[in-house]
Amino acid sequence: MHEFDIIKKYFSKLSLDNKNSLNLNDDVFFDRSKQLVISVDTYVDKTHFFDFKKPNLVIKKILRSSISDLICKGVKPKYYFISGSGNKKTFTKSNLSKISQSLKQEQKKFGIYISGGDTVFSNKLSFTIISVGFSNRIIFRNKAKLNDDIYVTGNLGDSYTGLKILKKKLLLKKNLNYYFLAKYYLPQLYVNLAKRLFNFANTSIDVSDGLFTDLDKLINKQKLSYKVNLADVPISKNLNNMILSKKLNKIDFVSKGDDYQILFTASKNKARIIKRVFKSLSIKISKIGNICTGTQKSQIIDEKGNKIAIKNKGHIHRF
């Protein structure tokens, strides 16, 4: 079973009397009457981060990936709670000092405040973060409309490249190593965009598990499909040059996740306002496809106009 099977079979029915749970099929809990938005994420060593040699960067990565859940819903994060399990090897005085300093920097950068948590002794290193924001509305999943354009912010694939460098599966020049590792540890978030999403986005999600996996989740309860043009999926110049020089496949990099860019759909008549908003904020935006009828299967079209299939669309926890 994978994680979504478990939720559907064992836990979804428990939420039927709680409309704020959104049927356990969205990134957040949302109580409109209290204007309360909450997300919860757990991060485990060797699963969600490669190692703990740089605790100052690891903690920034997991905090940003957590508050990203709120930002893609159109909500500015305000508070966070953090719980950690570890032992004397991982929770050394040096590591704890670095974690504290990094959290202080992130609080200043994003205007958020630590508000509680827990510490537990364990031989397995993990962190759980609860992010809290306040809003009387959010951008839900499963609200795409037929013929919507599909957009994504920033670039995809740099983070996965950084992970491959950490695993020593890619050997690049020092300056490129630095670039891709920075993208892996420090995903770029657009807090200033959050509230503006309401002006045009019909539905949204952050790209955490992979572009195509997250697209599937975005419309999983709707009788719709998508068509994505691989040539339009944005990647950095550094990644493009590396793919060309090493004769690699673009789709293998943009489909792996950990980018935390915002993936959303919008009606075609919103194209002008989208360009205007993103230009004013100096944020890169790319239209990568469109929403289609559910009578056809979702399609990925390569640079030559051919339909392609991928065996692994992204990350899914399997048990």
Protein backbone atom coordinates (compact mmCIF):
# COMPACT_ATOMS: atom_id res chain seq x y z
CA MET A 1 0.00 0.00 0.00
CA HIS A 2 1.08 3.56 -0.54
CA GLU A 3 0.30 6.56 1.63
CA PHE A 4 -2.85 7.61 -0.22
CA ASP A 5 -4.33 4.11 -0.06
CA ILE A 6 -3.80 4.11 3.71
CA ILE A 7 -5.51 7.49 4.12
CA LYS A 8 -8.45 6.46 1.95
CA LYS A 9 -8.99 3.03 3.54
CA TYR A 10 -8.36 3.74 7.20
CA PHE A 11 -8.74 7.45 7.96
CA SER A 12 -10.90 9.33 5.43
CA LYS A 13 -14.16 8.10 6.98
CA LEU A 14 -13.08 9.50 10.33
CA SER A 15 -13.15 13.00 8.84
CA LEU A 16 -16.67 12.89 7.39
CA ASP A 17 -18.14 14.91 10.27
CA ASN A 18 -15.38 17.51 10.05
CA LYS A 19 -15.65 19.57 6.86
CA ASN A 20 -12.57 21.55 7.90
CA SER A 21 -10.42 18.47 7.26
CA LEU A 22 -11.20 18.81 3.52
CA ASN A 23 -11.70 15.02 3.41
CA LEU A 24 -7.98 14.59 4.12
CA ASN A 25 -7.42 15.34 0.44
CA ASP A 26 -5.63 18.68 0.54
CA ASP A 27 -2.42 20.10 1.95
CA VAL A 28 -4.02 21.83 4.91
CA PHE A 29 -6.78 21.96 7.53
CA PHE A 30 -9.01 24.99 6.96
CA ASP A 31 -11.57 26.41 9.38
CA ARG A 32 -13.21 29.33 7.60
CA SER A 33 -15.16 30.53 10.64
CA LYS A 34 -11.98 30.85 12.71
CA GLN A 35 -9.87 31.88 9.69
CA LEU A 36 -7.42 29.13 10.68
CA VAL A 37 -5.13 27.22 8.30
CA ILE A 38 -2.80 24.42 9.49
CA SER A 39 -0.42 21.98 7.83
CA VAL A 40 1.62 19.13 9.33
CA ASP A 41 4.74 17.50 7.88
CA THR A 42 7.21 14.92 9.16
CA TYR A 43 10.77 14.62 7.86
CA VAL A 44 12.88 11.51 8.42
CA ASP A 45 16.64 11.12 8.02
CA LYS A 46 17.64 9.30 4.78
CA THR A 47 14.11 9.73 3.42
CA HIS A 48 13.42 13.47 3.35
CA PHE A 49 16.99 14.67 3.72
CA PHE A 50 20.16 12.90 2.68
CA ASP A 51 22.25 13.31 5.85
CA PHE A 52 22.69 15.59 8.85
CA LYS A 53 26.20 16.83 8.18
CA LYS A 54 24.83 20.34 7.66
CA PRO A 55 22.08 20.69 10.28
CA ASN A 56 21.90 24.44 9.69
CA LEU A 57 20.83 23.82 6.08
CA VAL A 58 18.70 20.74 6.72
CA ILE A 59 16.50 22.59 9.20
CA LYS A 60 16.02 25.45 6.72
CA LYS A 61 15.02 23.01 4.01
CA ILE A 62 12.38 21.23 6.08
CA LEU A 63 10.95 24.46 7.52
CA ARG A 64 10.61 25.98 4.06
CA SER A 65 9.03 22.83 2.64
CA SER A 66 6.49 22.93 5.48
CA ILE A 67 5.41 26.57 5.16
CA SER A 68 5.26 26.05 1.40
CA ASP A 69 2.01 24.12 1.98
CA LEU A 70 0.38 27.32 3.22
CA ILE A 71 1.88 29.65 0.63
CA CYS A 72 0.53 27.62 -2.30
CA LYS A 73 -2.92 27.86 -0.71
CA GLY A 74 -2.71 31.67 -0.77
CA VAL A 75 -1.92 31.94 2.94
CA LYS A 76 1.00 33.67 4.63
CA PRO A 77 2.47 31.47 7.39
CA LYS A 78 2.55 33.07 10.82
CA TYR A 79 3.50 30.47 13.45
CA TYR A 80 5.23 27.10 13.47
CA PHE A 81 5.71 24.28 15.97
CA ILE A 82 8.66 21.92 15.69
CA SER A 83 9.27 18.52 17.28
CA GLY A 84 12.47 16.56 16.93
CA SER A 85 13.61 13.06 17.75
CA GLY A 86 17.32 12.34 18.02
CA ASN A 87 20.18 11.27 20.26
CA LYS A 88 23.50 12.57 21.59
CA LYS A 89 25.15 12.05 18.20
CA THR A 90 22.64 14.15 16.30
CA PHE A 91 21.52 16.60 18.98
CA THR A 92 24.97 17.78 19.98
CA LYS A 93 25.43 21.24 21.47
CA SER A 94 27.04 22.33 18.22
CA ASN A 95 24.19 21.01 16.08
CA LEU A 96 21.51 22.46 18.32
CA SER A 97 23.22 25.85 18.24
CA LYS A 98 23.32 25.74 14.43
CA ILE A 99 19.65 24.74 14.28
CA SER A 100 18.67 27.57 16.61
CA GLN A 101 20.61 30.12 14.59
CA SER A 102 19.08 28.91 11.31
CA LEU A 103 15.56 29.06 12.70
CA LYS A 104 16.23 32.63 13.84
CA GLN A 105 17.31 33.53 10.30
CA GLU A 106 14.25 31.89 8.76
CA GLN A 107 11.92 33.62 11.20
CA LYS A 108 13.32 36.98 10.14
CA LYS A 109 13.20 36.11 6.44
CA PHE A 110 9.60 34.88 6.37
CA GLY A 111 8.06 36.75 9.30
CA ILE A 112 7.20 33.58 11.24
CA TYR A 113 7.52 32.67 14.92
CA ILE A 114 8.27 29.44 16.74
CA SER A 115 5.40 28.67 19.11
CA GLY A 116 6.07 25.28 20.69
CA GLY A 117 7.05 21.70 19.99
CA ASP A 118 8.60 18.66 21.60
CA THR A 119 11.89 16.79 21.87
CA VAL A 120 12.17 13.01 22.07
CA PHE A 121 15.13 10.67 22.47
CA SER A 122 15.41 8.28 19.54
CA ASN A 123 18.05 6.57 17.47
CA LYS A 124 16.10 7.64 14.38
CA LEU A 125 16.46 11.32 13.53
CA SER A 126 13.24 13.05 12.48
CA PHE A 127 11.44 16.36 12.67
CA THR A 128 7.75 17.24 12.59
CA ILE A 129 6.63 20.76 11.77
CA ILE A 130 3.18 22.26 12.18
CA SER A 131 2.66 25.48 10.23
CA VAL A 132 -0.15 27.90 11.07
CA GLY A 133 -1.63 30.80 9.12
CA PHE A 134 -4.81 32.88 9.20
CA SER A 135 -7.18 33.45 6.29
CA ASN A 136 -10.89 33.41 5.51
CA ARG A 137 -10.22 31.65 2.20
CA ILE A 138 -7.74 29.29 0.56
CA ILE A 139 -7.12 27.92 -2.91
CA PHE A 140 -8.33 24.33 -2.82
CA ARG A 141 -7.26 21.27 -4.75
CA ASN A 142 -9.71 19.76 -7.25
CA LYS A 143 -11.10 23.09 -8.43
CA ALA A 144 -9.54 23.03 -11.89
CA LYS A 145 -11.78 23.90 -14.83
CA LEU A 146 -11.84 22.34 -18.28
CA ASN A 147 -9.42 24.15 -20.62
CA ASP A 148 -7.58 25.84 -17.74
CA ASP A 149 -3.96 26.70 -18.45
CA ILE A 150 -1.41 25.03 -16.20
CA TYR A 151 1.35 27.23 -14.74
CA VAL A 152 4.39 26.66 -12.55
CA THR A 153 6.67 29.19 -10.86
CA GLY A 154 10.46 29.25 -11.00
CA ASN A 155 12.51 26.31 -12.28
CA LEU A 156 12.20 22.57 -11.70
CA GLY A 157 14.92 19.94 -11.38
CA ASP A 158 17.71 21.89 -9.67
CA SER A 159 16.94 20.39 -6.26
CA TYR A 160 17.01 16.82 -7.56
CA THR A 161 20.34 17.58 -9.23
CA GLY A 162 21.68 18.73 -5.88
CA LEU A 163 20.53 15.47 -4.31
CA LYS A 164 22.34 13.46 -6.99
CA ILE A 165 25.49 15.44 -6.23
CA LEU A 166 25.14 14.65 -2.51
CA LYS A 167 24.76 10.97 -3.38
CA LYS A 168 27.87 11.24 -5.58
CA LYS A 169 25.88 10.17 -8.63
CA LEU A 170 26.87 13.34 -10.47
CA LEU A 171 30.31 14.86 -10.72
CA LEU A 172 30.33 18.53 -11.69
CA LYS A 173 32.58 21.55 -11.39
CA LYS A 174 32.81 23.17 -7.96
CA ASN A 175 30.77 26.26 -8.87
CA LEU A 176 27.95 24.08 -10.28
CA ASN A 177 28.02 21.84 -7.21
CA TYR A 178 27.55 24.93 -5.06
CA TYR A 179 24.66 26.17 -7.22
CA PHE A 180 22.70 22.91 -7.22
CA LEU A 181 23.33 22.16 -3.53
CA ALA A 182 22.02 25.61 -2.65
CA LYS A 183 18.85 24.85 -4.64
CA TYR A 184 18.49 21.53 -2.79
CA TYR A 185 18.87 22.97 0.69
CA LEU A 186 17.24 26.37 0.19
CA PRO A 187 14.10 26.16 -1.98
CA GLN A 188 12.88 29.58 -3.08
CA LEU A 189 9.50 30.52 -1.63
CA TYR A 190 7.25 33.37 -2.74
CA VAL A 191 5.48 34.64 0.38
CA ASN A 192 4.73 37.96 -1.35
CA LEU A 193 2.80 36.05 -4.02
CA ALA A 194 0.51 34.14 -1.64
CA LYS A 195 -2.40 36.60 -1.42
CA ARG A 196 -2.12 37.52 -5.11
CA LEU A 197 -2.92 33.94 -6.14
CA PHE A 198 -6.59 34.55 -5.36
CA ASN A 199 -6.74 36.92 -8.33
CA PHE A 200 -6.30 34.15 -10.87
CA ALA A 201 -5.65 30.62 -9.54
CA ASN A 202 -8.54 28.14 -9.66
CA THR A 203 -6.59 25.40 -7.88
CA SER A 204 -3.02 25.02 -6.62
CA ILE A 205 -0.43 22.80 -4.96
CA ASP A 206 3.31 22.98 -4.30
CA VAL A 207 5.66 20.75 -6.27
CA SER A 208 6.97 18.55 -3.46
CA ASP A 209 6.62 14.96 -4.66
CA GLY A 210 7.14 15.63 -8.36
CA LEU A 211 5.52 17.64 -11.15
CA PHE A 212 3.36 14.84 -12.53
CA THR A 213 2.57 13.20 -9.21
CA ASP A 214 1.43 16.56 -7.86
CA LEU A 215 -0.59 17.28 -11.02
CA ASP A 216 -2.36 13.97 -10.47
CA LYS A 217 -3.10 14.94 -6.86
CA LEU A 218 -4.30 18.37 -7.93
CA ILE A 219 -7.19 16.93 -9.97
CA ASN A 220 -7.54 13.45 -8.44
CA LYS A 221 -11.23 13.84 -7.51
CA GLN A 222 -12.22 15.45 -10.81
CA LYS A 223 -13.13 13.84 -14.12
CA LEU A 224 -10.35 15.73 -15.86
CA SER A 225 -6.90 15.07 -17.30
CA TYR A 226 -3.92 17.19 -18.27
CA LYS A 227 -1.64 17.75 -21.23
CA VAL A 228 1.87 18.98 -20.45
CA ASN A 229 4.44 20.07 -23.03
CA LEU A 230 7.84 18.99 -21.74
CA ALA A 231 9.57 21.72 -23.76
CA ASP A 232 7.66 24.35 -21.76
CA VAL A 233 8.58 22.94 -18.33
CA PRO A 234 11.08 25.51 -16.99
CA ILE A 235 14.62 24.57 -16.03
CA SER A 236 17.64 26.71 -15.20
CA LYS A 237 20.41 27.44 -17.69
CA ASN A 238 22.78 25.45 -15.49
CA LEU A 239 20.56 22.38 -15.57
CA ASN A 240 19.88 22.70 -19.28
CA ASN A 241 23.60 22.93 -20.06
CA MET A 242 24.34 19.92 -17.86
CA ILE A 243 21.59 17.82 -19.48
CA LEU A 244 22.89 18.65 -22.95
CA SER A 245 26.55 18.05 -22.11
CA LYS A 246 25.92 14.71 -20.41
CA LYS A 247 23.16 13.64 -22.84
CA LEU A 248 20.61 13.11 -20.07
CA ASN A 249 16.81 13.23 -20.18
CA LYS A 250 15.06 16.38 -19.02
CA ILE A 251 12.01 14.49 -17.76
CA ASP A 252 14.15 12.51 -15.32
CA PHE A 253 15.02 15.74 -13.51
CA VAL A 254 11.78 17.76 -13.59
CA SER A 255 9.63 14.89 -12.33
CA LYS A 256 11.46 14.08 -9.08
CA GLY A 257 10.07 16.77 -6.77
CA ASP A 258 11.57 18.70 -3.86
CA ASP A 259 11.26 21.94 -5.84
CA TYR A 260 8.49 23.59 -3.75
CA GLN A 261 7.47 25.78 -6.65
CA ILE A 262 3.78 26.68 -6.97
CA LEU A 263 1.77 24.67 -9.51
CA PHE A 264 -1.63 26.11 -10.36
CA THR A 265 -4.32 26.29 -13.02
CA ALA A 266 -6.10 29.39 -14.27
CA SER A 267 -8.72 30.29 -16.85
CA LYS A 268 -7.32 31.45 -20.18
CA ASN A 269 -8.79 34.93 -19.72
CA LYS A 270 -6.48 35.41 -16.73
CA ALA A 271 -3.29 35.25 -18.83
CA ARG A 272 -2.72 39.01 -18.91
CA ILE A 273 -3.19 39.55 -15.19
CA ILE A 274 -0.90 36.59 -14.45
CA LYS A 275 1.90 38.08 -16.57
CA ARG A 276 1.39 41.48 -14.97
CA VAL A 277 1.45 40.18 -11.39
CA PHE A 278 4.53 38.02 -11.87
CA LYS A 279 6.39 40.77 -13.71
CA SER A 280 5.66 43.22 -10.89
CA LEU A 281 7.05 40.73 -8.36
CA SER A 282 10.01 39.69 -10.57
CA ILE A 283 8.98 36.02 -10.31
CA LYS A 284 9.44 33.62 -13.20
CA ILE A 285 6.23 32.00 -14.43
CA SER A 286 5.75 29.38 -17.17
CA LYS A 287 2.64 28.03 -18.85
CA ILE A 288 3.31 24.32 -19.32
CA GLY A 289 0.03 22.84 -20.53
CA ASN A 290 -3.70 22.73 -20.07
CA ILE A 291 -6.52 20.84 -18.37
CA CYS A 292 -8.41 18.44 -20.64
CA THR A 293 -11.54 16.32 -20.53
CA GLY A 294 -11.50 13.22 -18.40
CA THR A 295 -12.46 11.02 -21.37
CA GLN A 296 -8.81 10.97 -22.37
CA LYS A 297 -5.74 10.01 -20.39
CA SER A 298 -3.29 12.62 -19.15
CA GLN A 299 -0.50 13.23 -21.64
CA ILE A 300 3.11 14.36 -21.57
CA ILE A 301 4.31 15.61 -24.96
CA ASP A 302 8.04 15.70 -25.73
CA GLU A 303 9.95 18.26 -27.78
CA LYS A 304 9.18 16.37 -31.02
CA GLY A 305 5.44 16.26 -30.37
CA ASN A 306 5.39 12.61 -29.30
CA LYS A 307 3.52 11.25 -26.31
CA ILE A 308 5.86 9.88 -23.67
CA ALA A 309 5.35 7.81 -20.56
CA ILE A 310 7.42 7.71 -17.39
CA LYS A 311 7.63 4.79 -15.00
CA ASN A 312 8.22 6.92 -11.93
CA LYS A 313 6.17 10.14 -11.82
CA GLY A 314 7.59 11.22 -8.48
CA HIS A 315 7.92 10.30 -4.81
CA ILE A 316 5.27 8.23 -3.03
CA HIS A 317 5.71 6.62 0.39
CA ARG A 318 5.06 2.89 0.13
CA PHE A 319 4.53 0.61 3.12
